[in-house]
Amino acid sequence: MLNPKHVGTDFDAFLEEEGLLEEAEAAAAKRVLAFQITQAMEEQKLSKAAMARRMKTSRSALDRLLDPAVASVTLLTIERAARALGRRLKVEMVEA
């Protein structure tokens, strides 16, 4: 049954009202980053072990980075991944 309180609102408004918007946006951003890193690794034919060596980190740390369900990854780790792939990390804030 539809909750009349939410009829006609957009999904972002619903998530914000429920206190879930920030978490959903962070999870979506992490999913995109994990996908981009995985794609770049495939393009360069890099195994996870080789990527971890390039990043000077462990394979388990790389697995956490590539796991979309793990949202708590540091910017330093993402930056290392970008550099290991010959890329730069660009982070920006935009108006809401």
N, C-alpha and C. Protein backbone atom coordinates (compact mmCIF):
# COMPACT_ATOMS: atom_id res chain seq x y z
N MET A 1 0.83 -1.18 0.00
CA MET A 1 0.00 0.00 0.00
C MET A 1 0.88 1.24 0.00
N LEU A 2 0.58 2.18 -0.83
CA LEU A 2 1.33 3.43 -0.90
C LEU A 2 1.07 4.30 0.31
N ASN A 3 2.12 4.91 0.79
CA ASN A 3 1.99 5.85 1.88
C ASN A 3 1.63 7.20 1.27
N PRO A 4 0.45 7.74 1.55
CA PRO A 4 0.02 8.99 0.93
C PRO A 4 0.99 10.14 1.18
N LYS A 5 1.74 10.06 2.25
CA LYS A 5 2.71 11.09 2.58
C LYS A 5 3.79 11.21 1.50
N HIS A 6 4.09 10.12 0.77
CA HIS A 6 5.18 10.11 -0.21
C HIS A 6 4.70 10.17 -1.65
N VAL A 7 3.42 10.12 -1.89
CA VAL A 7 2.89 10.17 -3.25
C VAL A 7 3.21 11.53 -3.86
N GLY A 8 3.81 11.51 -5.04
CA GLY A 8 4.13 12.74 -5.74
C GLY A 8 5.48 13.33 -5.41
N THR A 9 6.22 12.74 -4.44
CA THR A 9 7.55 13.24 -4.13
C THR A 9 8.58 12.45 -4.93
N ASP A 10 9.75 13.07 -5.14
CA ASP A 10 10.79 12.32 -5.83
C ASP A 10 11.54 11.45 -4.83
N PHE A 11 12.32 10.53 -5.36
CA PHE A 11 13.00 9.55 -4.52
C PHE A 11 14.02 10.22 -3.60
N ASP A 12 14.75 11.23 -4.09
CA ASP A 12 15.71 11.94 -3.25
C ASP A 12 15.02 12.58 -2.05
N ALA A 13 13.86 13.17 -2.30
CA ALA A 13 13.11 13.80 -1.20
C ALA A 13 12.69 12.75 -0.18
N PHE A 14 12.27 11.60 -0.66
CA PHE A 14 11.90 10.51 0.23
C PHE A 14 13.09 10.07 1.08
N LEU A 15 14.25 9.85 0.41
CA LEU A 15 15.44 9.42 1.15
C LEU A 15 15.88 10.47 2.17
N GLU A 16 15.79 11.74 1.78
CA GLU A 16 16.17 12.80 2.71
C GLU A 16 15.23 12.82 3.92
N GLU A 17 13.96 12.67 3.66
CA GLU A 17 12.98 12.67 4.74
C GLU A 17 13.21 11.51 5.69
N GLU A 18 13.66 10.39 5.16
CA GLU A 18 13.91 9.20 5.97
C GLU A 18 15.30 9.22 6.60
N GLY A 19 16.11 10.25 6.27
CA GLY A 19 17.46 10.34 6.81
C GLY A 19 18.44 9.40 6.15
N LEU A 20 18.15 9.01 4.91
CA LEU A 20 18.98 8.03 4.21
C LEU A 20 19.70 8.59 2.99
N LEU A 21 19.50 9.85 2.66
CA LEU A 21 20.03 10.41 1.41
C LEU A 21 21.55 10.40 1.38
N GLU A 22 22.20 10.87 2.43
CA GLU A 22 23.66 10.93 2.44
C GLU A 22 24.27 9.54 2.28
N GLU A 23 23.72 8.58 2.98
CA GLU A 23 24.22 7.21 2.89
C GLU A 23 24.03 6.64 1.49
N ALA A 24 22.89 6.91 0.89
CA ALA A 24 22.60 6.41 -0.47
C ALA A 24 23.53 7.06 -1.49
N GLU A 25 23.78 8.36 -1.34
CA GLU A 25 24.67 9.05 -2.28
C GLU A 25 26.11 8.56 -2.13
N ALA A 26 26.55 8.33 -0.90
CA ALA A 26 27.90 7.81 -0.67
C ALA A 26 28.05 6.42 -1.26
N ALA A 27 27.04 5.58 -1.08
CA ALA A 27 27.07 4.23 -1.63
C ALA A 27 27.10 4.26 -3.16
N ALA A 28 26.34 5.17 -3.74
CA ALA A 28 26.32 5.29 -5.21
C ALA A 28 27.66 5.76 -5.73
N ALA A 29 28.27 6.74 -5.05
CA ALA A 29 29.58 7.24 -5.48
C ALA A 29 30.63 6.13 -5.37
N LYS A 30 30.58 5.37 -4.30
CA LYS A 30 31.54 4.26 -4.12
C LYS A 30 31.35 3.21 -5.19
N ARG A 31 30.11 2.91 -5.53
CA ARG A 31 29.82 1.93 -6.58
C ARG A 31 30.41 2.39 -7.91
N VAL A 32 30.26 3.66 -8.23
CA VAL A 32 30.80 4.21 -9.48
C VAL A 32 32.32 4.14 -9.48
N LEU A 33 32.95 4.53 -8.37
CA LEU A 33 34.42 4.46 -8.29
C LEU A 33 34.92 3.03 -8.42
N ALA A 34 34.29 2.10 -7.74
CA ALA A 34 34.69 0.70 -7.83
C ALA A 34 34.56 0.21 -9.27
N PHE A 35 33.49 0.60 -9.95
CA PHE A 35 33.29 0.20 -11.35
C PHE A 35 34.37 0.80 -12.23
N GLN A 36 34.68 2.09 -12.05
CA GLN A 36 35.70 2.74 -12.87
C GLN A 36 37.08 2.11 -12.66
N ILE A 37 37.41 1.80 -11.43
CA ILE A 37 38.70 1.17 -11.15
C ILE A 37 38.76 -0.21 -11.77
N THR A 38 37.69 -0.98 -11.62
CA THR A 38 37.64 -2.32 -12.21
C THR A 38 37.77 -2.26 -13.73
N GLN A 39 37.07 -1.32 -14.36
CA GLN A 39 37.15 -1.17 -15.82
C GLN A 39 38.57 -0.82 -16.25
N ALA A 40 39.21 0.11 -15.55
CA ALA A 40 40.58 0.50 -15.90
C ALA A 40 41.54 -0.68 -15.71
N MET A 41 41.33 -1.47 -14.66
CA MET A 41 42.16 -2.65 -14.46
C MET A 41 41.99 -3.64 -15.61
N GLU A 42 40.76 -3.85 -16.05
CA GLU A 42 40.49 -4.76 -17.17
C GLU A 42 41.13 -4.23 -18.46
N GLU A 43 41.01 -2.92 -18.70
CA GLU A 43 41.61 -2.33 -19.90
C GLU A 43 43.12 -2.54 -19.92
N GLN A 44 43.74 -2.46 -18.76
CA GLN A 44 45.19 -2.62 -18.66
C GLN A 44 45.60 -4.07 -18.38
N LYS A 45 44.60 -4.96 -18.36
CA LYS A 45 44.83 -6.39 -18.10
C LYS A 45 45.62 -6.60 -16.80
N LEU A 46 45.21 -5.88 -15.78
CA LEU A 46 45.85 -5.96 -14.47
C LEU A 46 45.08 -6.90 -13.55
N SER A 47 45.77 -7.85 -12.98
CA SER A 47 45.14 -8.70 -11.98
C SER A 47 45.03 -7.93 -10.67
N LYS A 48 44.24 -8.46 -9.74
CA LYS A 48 44.13 -7.81 -8.44
C LYS A 48 45.48 -7.82 -7.71
N ALA A 49 46.22 -8.91 -7.85
CA ALA A 49 47.52 -8.99 -7.19
C ALA A 49 48.47 -7.93 -7.74
N ALA A 50 48.49 -7.76 -9.05
CA ALA A 50 49.35 -6.75 -9.68
C ALA A 50 48.92 -5.35 -9.28
N MET A 51 47.62 -5.13 -9.23
CA MET A 51 47.10 -3.82 -8.85
C MET A 51 47.49 -3.50 -7.40
N ALA A 52 47.35 -4.47 -6.52
CA ALA A 52 47.71 -4.27 -5.12
C ALA A 52 49.19 -3.93 -4.99
N ARG A 53 50.02 -4.61 -5.77
CA ARG A 53 51.47 -4.30 -5.74
C ARG A 53 51.72 -2.87 -6.21
N ARG A 54 51.06 -2.46 -7.28
CA ARG A 54 51.22 -1.09 -7.79
C ARG A 54 50.80 -0.06 -6.75
N MET A 55 49.76 -0.39 -6.02
CA MET A 55 49.25 0.53 -4.99
C MET A 55 50.05 0.46 -3.70
N LYS A 56 50.95 -0.53 -3.61
CA LYS A 56 51.73 -0.77 -2.38
C LYS A 56 50.79 -1.01 -1.20
N THR A 57 49.83 -1.90 -1.43
CA THR A 57 48.86 -2.26 -0.40
C THR A 57 48.58 -3.75 -0.47
N SER A 58 47.73 -4.22 0.38
CA SER A 58 47.40 -5.65 0.40
C SER A 58 46.25 -5.95 -0.56
N ARG A 59 46.14 -7.20 -0.90
CA ARG A 59 45.05 -7.65 -1.77
C ARG A 59 43.71 -7.45 -1.06
N SER A 60 43.68 -7.65 0.26
CA SER A 60 42.42 -7.48 0.99
C SER A 60 42.00 -6.01 1.01
N ALA A 61 42.97 -5.08 1.08
CA ALA A 61 42.63 -3.65 1.01
C ALA A 61 42.06 -3.32 -0.36
N LEU A 62 42.62 -3.90 -1.40
CA LEU A 62 42.10 -3.69 -2.75
C LEU A 62 40.70 -4.28 -2.88
N ASP A 63 40.49 -5.45 -2.30
CA ASP A 63 39.15 -6.06 -2.33
C ASP A 63 38.11 -5.16 -1.67
N ARG A 64 38.47 -4.52 -0.55
CA ARG A 64 37.56 -3.58 0.11
C ARG A 64 37.27 -2.38 -0.79
N LEU A 65 38.31 -1.90 -1.47
CA LEU A 65 38.12 -0.78 -2.39
C LEU A 65 37.17 -1.13 -3.52
N LEU A 66 37.28 -2.34 -4.04
CA LEU A 66 36.46 -2.76 -5.18
C LEU A 66 35.08 -3.27 -4.79
N ASP A 67 34.85 -3.46 -3.51
CA ASP A 67 33.56 -3.97 -3.04
C ASP A 67 32.59 -2.80 -2.88
N PRO A 68 31.55 -2.72 -3.73
CA PRO A 68 30.61 -1.61 -3.65
C PRO A 68 29.88 -1.52 -2.31
N ALA A 69 29.82 -2.61 -1.58
CA ALA A 69 29.11 -2.62 -0.31
C ALA A 69 29.92 -1.99 0.82
N VAL A 70 31.22 -1.83 0.62
CA VAL A 70 32.09 -1.24 1.64
C VAL A 70 32.26 0.24 1.32
N ALA A 71 31.57 1.09 2.06
CA ALA A 71 31.59 2.53 1.75
C ALA A 71 32.75 3.25 2.42
N SER A 72 33.32 2.69 3.46
CA SER A 72 34.35 3.40 4.21
C SER A 72 35.74 3.12 3.63
N VAL A 73 36.07 3.89 2.59
CA VAL A 73 37.38 3.81 1.96
C VAL A 73 37.95 5.23 1.99
N THR A 74 39.24 5.35 2.29
CA THR A 74 39.83 6.68 2.41
C THR A 74 40.14 7.27 1.04
N LEU A 75 40.20 8.59 1.01
CA LEU A 75 40.60 9.27 -0.22
C LEU A 75 42.02 8.88 -0.61
N LEU A 76 42.88 8.65 0.36
CA LEU A 76 44.25 8.24 0.06
C LEU A 76 44.27 6.91 -0.69
N THR A 77 43.44 5.98 -0.28
CA THR A 77 43.37 4.68 -0.96
C THR A 77 42.86 4.85 -2.39
N ILE A 78 41.85 5.67 -2.57
CA ILE A 78 41.32 5.92 -3.91
C ILE A 78 42.36 6.61 -4.77
N GLU A 79 43.08 7.55 -4.18
CA GLU A 79 44.15 8.26 -4.89
C GLU A 79 45.25 7.29 -5.33
N ARG A 80 45.62 6.37 -4.45
CA ARG A 80 46.64 5.36 -4.80
C ARG A 80 46.17 4.52 -5.98
N ALA A 81 44.91 4.15 -5.97
CA ALA A 81 44.37 3.35 -7.07
C ALA A 81 44.42 4.14 -8.37
N ALA A 82 44.02 5.39 -8.31
CA ALA A 82 44.04 6.23 -9.51
C ALA A 82 45.45 6.33 -10.05
N ARG A 83 46.41 6.64 -9.19
CA ARG A 83 47.82 6.77 -9.62
C ARG A 83 48.35 5.46 -10.19
N ALA A 84 47.99 4.34 -9.56
CA ALA A 84 48.45 3.03 -10.03
C ALA A 84 47.95 2.74 -11.44
N LEU A 85 46.84 3.37 -11.80
CA LEU A 85 46.25 3.17 -13.13
C LEU A 85 46.62 4.29 -14.10
N GLY A 86 47.50 5.18 -13.66
CA GLY A 86 47.90 6.29 -14.52
C GLY A 86 46.82 7.36 -14.64
N ARG A 87 45.99 7.45 -13.65
CA ARG A 87 44.87 8.41 -13.65
C ARG A 87 45.04 9.38 -12.50
N ARG A 88 44.21 10.41 -12.50
CA ARG A 88 44.16 11.36 -11.40
C ARG A 88 42.78 11.30 -10.78
N LEU A 89 42.72 11.50 -9.49
CA LEU A 89 41.45 11.55 -8.78
C LEU A 89 40.97 12.99 -8.75
N LYS A 90 39.73 13.21 -9.11
CA LYS A 90 39.14 14.55 -9.07
C LYS A 90 37.93 14.49 -8.15
N VAL A 91 37.98 15.29 -7.08
CA VAL A 91 36.89 15.35 -6.12
C VAL A 91 36.38 16.78 -6.12
N GLU A 92 35.09 16.94 -6.19
CA GLU A 92 34.55 18.29 -6.16
C GLU A 92 33.24 18.31 -5.42
N MET A 93 32.92 19.48 -4.88
CA MET A 93 31.64 19.68 -4.24
C MET A 93 30.78 20.50 -5.18
N VAL A 94 29.52 20.14 -5.27
CA VAL A 94 28.59 20.88 -6.12
C VAL A 94 27.43 21.36 -5.27
N GLU A 95 26.76 22.38 -5.73
CA GLU A 95 25.62 22.89 -4.98
C GLU A 95 24.51 21.87 -4.97
N ALA A 96 23.80 21.85 -3.86
CA ALA A 96 22.69 20.89 -3.70
C ALA A 96 21.46 21.39 -4.41
